[in-house]
Amino acid sequence: METNRIMVRLYWDPVMLGPGKADLLAAIAQHGSISAAGRSMGMSYKRAWSLVEAMNKGFSTPLVTSARGGAQGGGASLTQTGQEVLQLYRQIEKRVHDAARPELERLGQLVRP
């Protein structure tokens, strides 16, 4: 695990995509459920759902599809757009971190142990 991290927040008024929403998308992909994804992040279902709704409304097509529970079990998954948004966000994070590596290392030397 890296000892430093740049947290990237991207804004397109009124849409914001940052590390929390990206992590939520990844958790939905992993768990197949908005509630399970939220729980894995220590987030309430209501909060997770409101973030999903905001992302779905903010992009040209929804990032997450969901089905209610019941006899069929319900669940959630990333759409193709959701997968692409998550992949692009992670690529941006990596590029920013890689570009700033020397400065991050130097700043790390200045941080109190």
N, C-alpha and C. Protein backbone atom coordinates (compact mmCIF):
# COMPACT_ATOMS: atom_id res chain seq x y z
N MET A 1 0.84 -1.18 0.00
CA MET A 1 0.00 0.00 0.00
C MET A 1 0.89 1.24 0.00
N GLU A 2 0.49 2.22 -0.77
CA GLU A 2 1.26 3.44 -0.86
C GLU A 2 1.10 4.27 0.40
N THR A 3 2.13 5.01 0.74
CA THR A 3 2.07 5.84 1.94
C THR A 3 1.48 7.21 1.65
N ASN A 4 1.27 7.52 0.37
CA ASN A 4 0.66 8.79 0.02
C ASN A 4 -0.39 8.54 -1.06
N ARG A 5 -1.31 9.47 -1.15
CA ARG A 5 -2.39 9.32 -2.11
C ARG A 5 -2.92 10.68 -2.51
N ILE A 6 -3.13 10.85 -3.78
CA ILE A 6 -3.80 12.04 -4.27
C ILE A 6 -5.26 11.67 -4.47
N MET A 7 -6.14 12.50 -3.94
CA MET A 7 -7.56 12.24 -4.11
C MET A 7 -8.09 13.17 -5.19
N VAL A 8 -8.55 12.59 -6.28
CA VAL A 8 -8.99 13.35 -7.44
C VAL A 8 -10.50 13.54 -7.38
N ARG A 9 -10.94 14.79 -7.54
CA ARG A 9 -12.36 15.11 -7.64
C ARG A 9 -12.56 15.80 -8.98
N LEU A 10 -13.49 15.29 -9.75
CA LEU A 10 -13.78 15.84 -11.07
C LEU A 10 -15.15 16.49 -11.03
N TYR A 11 -15.25 17.68 -11.61
CA TYR A 11 -16.50 18.44 -11.59
C TYR A 11 -16.94 18.78 -13.00
N TRP A 12 -18.20 18.53 -13.26
CA TRP A 12 -18.91 19.02 -14.44
C TRP A 12 -20.23 19.51 -13.87
N ASP A 13 -20.37 20.79 -13.72
CA ASP A 13 -21.54 21.34 -13.04
C ASP A 13 -22.83 20.77 -13.60
N PRO A 14 -23.64 20.10 -12.79
CA PRO A 14 -23.58 19.92 -11.35
C PRO A 14 -23.03 18.56 -10.93
N VAL A 15 -22.40 17.81 -11.82
CA VAL A 15 -21.93 16.45 -11.50
C VAL A 15 -20.54 16.49 -10.87
N MET A 16 -20.35 15.69 -9.83
CA MET A 16 -19.05 15.54 -9.20
C MET A 16 -18.76 14.06 -9.09
N LEU A 17 -17.53 13.69 -9.45
CA LEU A 17 -17.09 12.31 -9.30
C LEU A 17 -15.78 12.33 -8.55
N GLY A 18 -15.76 11.65 -7.41
CA GLY A 18 -14.56 11.62 -6.59
C GLY A 18 -14.30 10.22 -6.07
N PRO A 19 -13.38 10.10 -5.14
CA PRO A 19 -12.98 8.78 -4.66
C PRO A 19 -14.11 8.00 -4.00
N GLY A 20 -14.99 8.68 -3.28
CA GLY A 20 -16.10 7.97 -2.62
C GLY A 20 -17.06 7.35 -3.60
N LYS A 21 -17.45 8.10 -4.61
CA LYS A 21 -18.37 7.56 -5.61
C LYS A 21 -17.69 6.48 -6.44
N ALA A 22 -16.42 6.67 -6.76
CA ALA A 22 -15.70 5.63 -7.50
C ALA A 22 -15.61 4.35 -6.68
N ASP A 23 -15.31 4.48 -5.39
CA ASP A 23 -15.25 3.31 -4.51
C ASP A 23 -16.62 2.63 -4.41
N LEU A 24 -17.69 3.44 -4.38
CA LEU A 24 -19.03 2.87 -4.33
C LEU A 24 -19.33 2.09 -5.61
N LEU A 25 -18.98 2.64 -6.76
CA LEU A 25 -19.18 1.90 -8.02
C LEU A 25 -18.41 0.58 -7.99
N ALA A 26 -17.17 0.61 -7.53
CA ALA A 26 -16.37 -0.62 -7.45
C ALA A 26 -17.00 -1.63 -6.50
N ALA A 27 -17.53 -1.15 -5.38
CA ALA A 27 -18.15 -2.05 -4.40
C ALA A 27 -19.45 -2.64 -4.95
N ILE A 28 -20.21 -1.87 -5.71
CA ILE A 28 -21.42 -2.41 -6.34
C ILE A 28 -21.04 -3.50 -7.33
N ALA A 29 -20.00 -3.25 -8.11
CA ALA A 29 -19.53 -4.27 -9.06
C ALA A 29 -19.09 -5.53 -8.33
N GLN A 30 -18.45 -5.37 -7.19
CA GLN A 30 -17.94 -6.51 -6.42
C GLN A 30 -19.06 -7.28 -5.73
N HIS A 31 -19.99 -6.56 -5.11
CA HIS A 31 -21.01 -7.20 -4.27
C HIS A 31 -22.33 -7.47 -4.98
N GLY A 32 -22.57 -6.81 -6.11
CA GLY A 32 -23.83 -7.02 -6.82
C GLY A 32 -25.05 -6.48 -6.11
N SER A 33 -24.83 -5.51 -5.23
CA SER A 33 -25.92 -4.97 -4.42
C SER A 33 -25.54 -3.59 -3.91
N ILE A 34 -26.48 -2.65 -3.98
CA ILE A 34 -26.22 -1.32 -3.44
C ILE A 34 -26.12 -1.39 -1.92
N SER A 35 -27.00 -2.13 -1.28
CA SER A 35 -26.97 -2.21 0.19
C SER A 35 -25.68 -2.89 0.67
N ALA A 36 -25.27 -3.98 0.03
CA ALA A 36 -24.03 -4.65 0.43
C ALA A 36 -22.82 -3.77 0.16
N ALA A 37 -22.85 -3.04 -0.95
CA ALA A 37 -21.75 -2.12 -1.25
C ALA A 37 -21.66 -1.04 -0.17
N GLY A 38 -22.80 -0.46 0.18
CA GLY A 38 -22.82 0.55 1.23
C GLY A 38 -22.31 0.01 2.55
N ARG A 39 -22.80 -1.17 2.93
CA ARG A 39 -22.35 -1.79 4.19
C ARG A 39 -20.84 -1.99 4.19
N SER A 40 -20.29 -2.43 3.06
CA SER A 40 -18.85 -2.70 2.99
C SER A 40 -18.04 -1.42 3.16
N MET A 41 -18.69 -0.28 2.93
CA MET A 41 -18.02 1.01 3.07
C MET A 41 -18.42 1.75 4.34
N GLY A 42 -19.24 1.11 5.18
CA GLY A 42 -19.71 1.76 6.40
C GLY A 42 -20.72 2.87 6.12
N MET A 43 -21.49 2.69 5.05
CA MET A 43 -22.43 3.70 4.58
C MET A 43 -23.84 3.13 4.65
N SER A 44 -24.79 3.98 4.99
CA SER A 44 -26.17 3.51 5.03
C SER A 44 -26.67 3.24 3.61
N TYR A 45 -27.70 2.41 3.53
CA TYR A 45 -28.32 2.14 2.23
C TYR A 45 -28.86 3.43 1.63
N LYS A 46 -29.48 4.25 2.48
CA LYS A 46 -30.05 5.50 1.99
C LYS A 46 -28.98 6.39 1.36
N ARG A 47 -27.83 6.50 2.00
CA ARG A 47 -26.73 7.32 1.47
C ARG A 47 -26.20 6.72 0.18
N ALA A 48 -25.99 5.41 0.17
CA ALA A 48 -25.48 4.75 -1.04
C ALA A 48 -26.47 4.95 -2.19
N TRP A 49 -27.75 4.77 -1.91
CA TRP A 49 -28.76 4.92 -2.96
C TRP A 49 -28.80 6.35 -3.48
N SER A 50 -28.68 7.33 -2.59
CA SER A 50 -28.73 8.73 -3.03
C SER A 50 -27.52 9.06 -3.90
N LEU A 51 -26.36 8.50 -3.60
CA LEU A 51 -25.18 8.71 -4.45
C LEU A 51 -25.37 8.05 -5.81
N VAL A 52 -25.94 6.86 -5.83
CA VAL A 52 -26.21 6.17 -7.10
C VAL A 52 -27.20 6.99 -7.93
N GLU A 53 -28.25 7.47 -7.30
CA GLU A 53 -29.24 8.29 -8.02
C GLU A 53 -28.58 9.54 -8.62
N ALA A 54 -27.73 10.19 -7.84
CA ALA A 54 -27.05 11.40 -8.34
C ALA A 54 -26.16 11.07 -9.54
N MET A 55 -25.44 9.95 -9.46
CA MET A 55 -24.59 9.56 -10.59
C MET A 55 -25.44 9.20 -11.80
N ASN A 56 -26.50 8.45 -11.58
CA ASN A 56 -27.36 8.05 -12.70
C ASN A 56 -27.99 9.25 -13.40
N LYS A 57 -28.36 10.25 -12.62
CA LYS A 57 -28.97 11.45 -13.19
C LYS A 57 -27.93 12.35 -13.87
N GLY A 58 -26.70 12.31 -13.38
CA GLY A 58 -25.68 13.22 -13.86
C GLY A 58 -25.00 12.83 -15.15
N PHE A 59 -25.06 11.55 -15.49
CA PHE A 59 -24.41 11.07 -16.72
C PHE A 59 -25.47 10.84 -17.80
N SER A 60 -25.02 10.79 -19.04
CA SER A 60 -25.96 10.67 -20.17
C SER A 60 -26.76 9.38 -20.13
N THR A 61 -26.19 8.33 -19.59
CA THR A 61 -26.92 7.08 -19.37
C THR A 61 -26.59 6.61 -17.95
N PRO A 62 -27.47 5.84 -17.33
CA PRO A 62 -27.23 5.40 -15.95
C PRO A 62 -25.93 4.61 -15.81
N LEU A 63 -25.31 4.74 -14.64
CA LEU A 63 -24.09 3.99 -14.34
C LEU A 63 -24.40 2.68 -13.62
N VAL A 64 -25.55 2.64 -12.95
CA VAL A 64 -25.94 1.47 -12.15
C VAL A 64 -27.37 1.10 -12.49
N THR A 65 -27.61 -0.19 -12.67
CA THR A 65 -28.97 -0.69 -12.80
C THR A 65 -29.27 -1.51 -11.55
N SER A 66 -30.52 -1.50 -11.15
CA SER A 66 -30.89 -2.26 -9.96
C SER A 66 -32.27 -2.87 -10.15
N ALA A 67 -32.48 -3.96 -9.42
CA ALA A 67 -33.78 -4.63 -9.39
C ALA A 67 -34.16 -4.80 -7.93
N ARG A 68 -35.42 -4.55 -7.62
CA ARG A 68 -35.89 -4.70 -6.24
C ARG A 68 -35.73 -6.15 -5.80
N GLY A 69 -35.62 -6.30 -4.49
CA GLY A 69 -35.54 -7.64 -3.89
C GLY A 69 -36.86 -8.36 -4.01
N GLY A 70 -36.99 -9.44 -3.28
CA GLY A 70 -38.21 -10.23 -3.32
C GLY A 70 -37.88 -11.64 -3.75
N ALA A 71 -38.82 -12.30 -4.39
CA ALA A 71 -38.63 -13.70 -4.78
C ALA A 71 -37.44 -13.87 -5.71
N GLN A 72 -37.21 -12.88 -6.59
CA GLN A 72 -36.11 -12.97 -7.54
C GLN A 72 -34.77 -12.56 -6.93
N GLY A 73 -34.78 -11.94 -5.76
CA GLY A 73 -33.55 -11.61 -5.06
C GLY A 73 -33.03 -10.20 -5.27
N GLY A 74 -33.37 -9.56 -6.36
CA GLY A 74 -32.91 -8.19 -6.59
C GLY A 74 -31.43 -8.13 -6.86
N GLY A 75 -30.86 -6.97 -6.73
CA GLY A 75 -29.43 -6.78 -6.93
C GLY A 75 -29.15 -5.55 -7.75
N ALA A 76 -27.88 -5.29 -7.98
CA ALA A 76 -27.46 -4.13 -8.74
C ALA A 76 -26.18 -4.46 -9.49
N SER A 77 -25.96 -3.78 -10.58
CA SER A 77 -24.72 -3.97 -11.34
C SER A 77 -24.39 -2.68 -12.09
N LEU A 78 -23.13 -2.57 -12.48
CA LEU A 78 -22.72 -1.44 -13.29
C LEU A 78 -23.13 -1.67 -14.73
N THR A 79 -23.60 -0.61 -15.36
CA THR A 79 -23.87 -0.68 -16.78
C THR A 79 -22.53 -0.58 -17.52
N GLN A 80 -22.58 -0.71 -18.82
CA GLN A 80 -21.35 -0.55 -19.60
C GLN A 80 -20.77 0.86 -19.36
N THR A 81 -21.65 1.86 -19.31
CA THR A 81 -21.19 3.22 -19.04
C THR A 81 -20.59 3.32 -17.65
N GLY A 82 -21.21 2.68 -16.67
CA GLY A 82 -20.68 2.68 -15.31
C GLY A 82 -19.29 2.06 -15.25
N GLN A 83 -19.11 0.94 -15.95
CA GLN A 83 -17.79 0.30 -15.99
C GLN A 83 -16.77 1.23 -16.64
N GLU A 84 -17.17 1.89 -17.71
CA GLU A 84 -16.25 2.79 -18.40
C GLU A 84 -15.90 4.00 -17.54
N VAL A 85 -16.90 4.59 -16.87
CA VAL A 85 -16.65 5.74 -16.00
C VAL A 85 -15.67 5.34 -14.89
N LEU A 86 -15.88 4.20 -14.26
CA LEU A 86 -14.99 3.75 -13.20
C LEU A 86 -13.58 3.52 -13.73
N GLN A 87 -13.47 2.88 -14.87
CA GLN A 87 -12.16 2.62 -15.47
C GLN A 87 -11.44 3.94 -15.80
N LEU A 88 -12.15 4.87 -16.41
CA LEU A 88 -11.54 6.16 -16.76
C LEU A 88 -11.12 6.93 -15.51
N TYR A 89 -11.95 6.91 -14.48
CA TYR A 89 -11.61 7.60 -13.23
C TYR A 89 -10.33 7.00 -12.64
N ARG A 90 -10.24 5.68 -12.59
CA ARG A 90 -9.04 5.03 -12.03
C ARG A 90 -7.81 5.35 -12.87
N GLN A 91 -7.95 5.43 -14.18
CA GLN A 91 -6.83 5.80 -15.04
C GLN A 91 -6.38 7.23 -14.76
N ILE A 92 -7.34 8.14 -14.57
CA ILE A 92 -6.99 9.53 -14.24
C ILE A 92 -6.25 9.58 -12.92
N GLU A 93 -6.76 8.87 -11.91
CA GLU A 93 -6.09 8.83 -10.60
C GLU A 93 -4.64 8.39 -10.75
N LYS A 94 -4.43 7.32 -11.51
CA LYS A 94 -3.07 6.78 -11.68
C LYS A 94 -2.18 7.78 -12.40
N ARG A 95 -2.68 8.40 -13.46
CA ARG A 95 -1.87 9.35 -14.21
C ARG A 95 -1.48 10.56 -13.37
N VAL A 96 -2.44 11.06 -12.58
CA VAL A 96 -2.14 12.20 -11.72
C VAL A 96 -1.09 11.81 -10.68
N HIS A 97 -1.28 10.65 -10.07
CA HIS A 97 -0.33 10.19 -9.05
C HIS A 97 1.05 9.99 -9.66
N ASP A 98 1.11 9.34 -10.81
CA ASP A 98 2.41 9.10 -11.47
C ASP A 98 3.10 10.41 -11.82
N ALA A 99 2.33 11.38 -12.32
CA ALA A 99 2.91 12.67 -12.71
C ALA A 99 3.45 13.43 -11.51
N ALA A 100 2.85 13.25 -10.36
CA ALA A 100 3.25 14.00 -9.17
C ALA A 100 4.17 13.20 -8.24
N ARG A 101 4.62 12.04 -8.67
CA ARG A 101 5.43 11.17 -7.79
C ARG A 101 6.63 11.88 -7.17
N PRO A 102 7.45 12.60 -7.92
CA PRO A 102 8.61 13.24 -7.27
C PRO A 102 8.21 14.24 -6.18
N GLU A 103 7.18 15.01 -6.46
CA GLU A 103 6.72 15.99 -5.48
C GLU A 103 6.11 15.30 -4.26
N LEU A 104 5.38 14.22 -4.48
CA LEU A 104 4.81 13.47 -3.36
C LEU A 104 5.90 12.89 -2.48
N GLU A 105 6.94 12.35 -3.12
CA GLU A 105 8.05 11.78 -2.34
C GLU A 105 8.74 12.86 -1.51
N ARG A 106 8.97 14.02 -2.12
CA ARG A 106 9.61 15.11 -1.38
C ARG A 106 8.72 15.60 -0.25
N LEU A 107 7.44 15.78 -0.52
CA LEU A 107 6.53 16.20 0.55
C LEU A 107 6.52 15.17 1.68
N GLY A 108 6.56 13.89 1.30
CA GLY A 108 6.59 12.84 2.31
C GLY A 108 7.81 12.93 3.22
N GLN A 109 8.92 13.39 2.68
CA GLN A 109 10.14 13.58 3.49
C GLN A 109 9.96 14.71 4.49
N LEU A 110 9.07 15.63 4.19
CA LEU A 110 8.86 16.79 5.06
C LEU A 110 7.78 16.54 6.13
N VAL A 111 7.05 15.43 6.01
CA VAL A 111 6.00 15.10 6.97
C VAL A 111 6.62 14.54 8.23
N ARG A 112 6.09 14.97 9.35
CA ARG A 112 6.58 14.47 10.65
C ARG A 112 6.29 12.98 10.75
N PRO A 113 7.29 12.19 11.18
CA PRO A 113 7.07 10.73 11.33
C PRO A 113 6.09 10.41 12.43
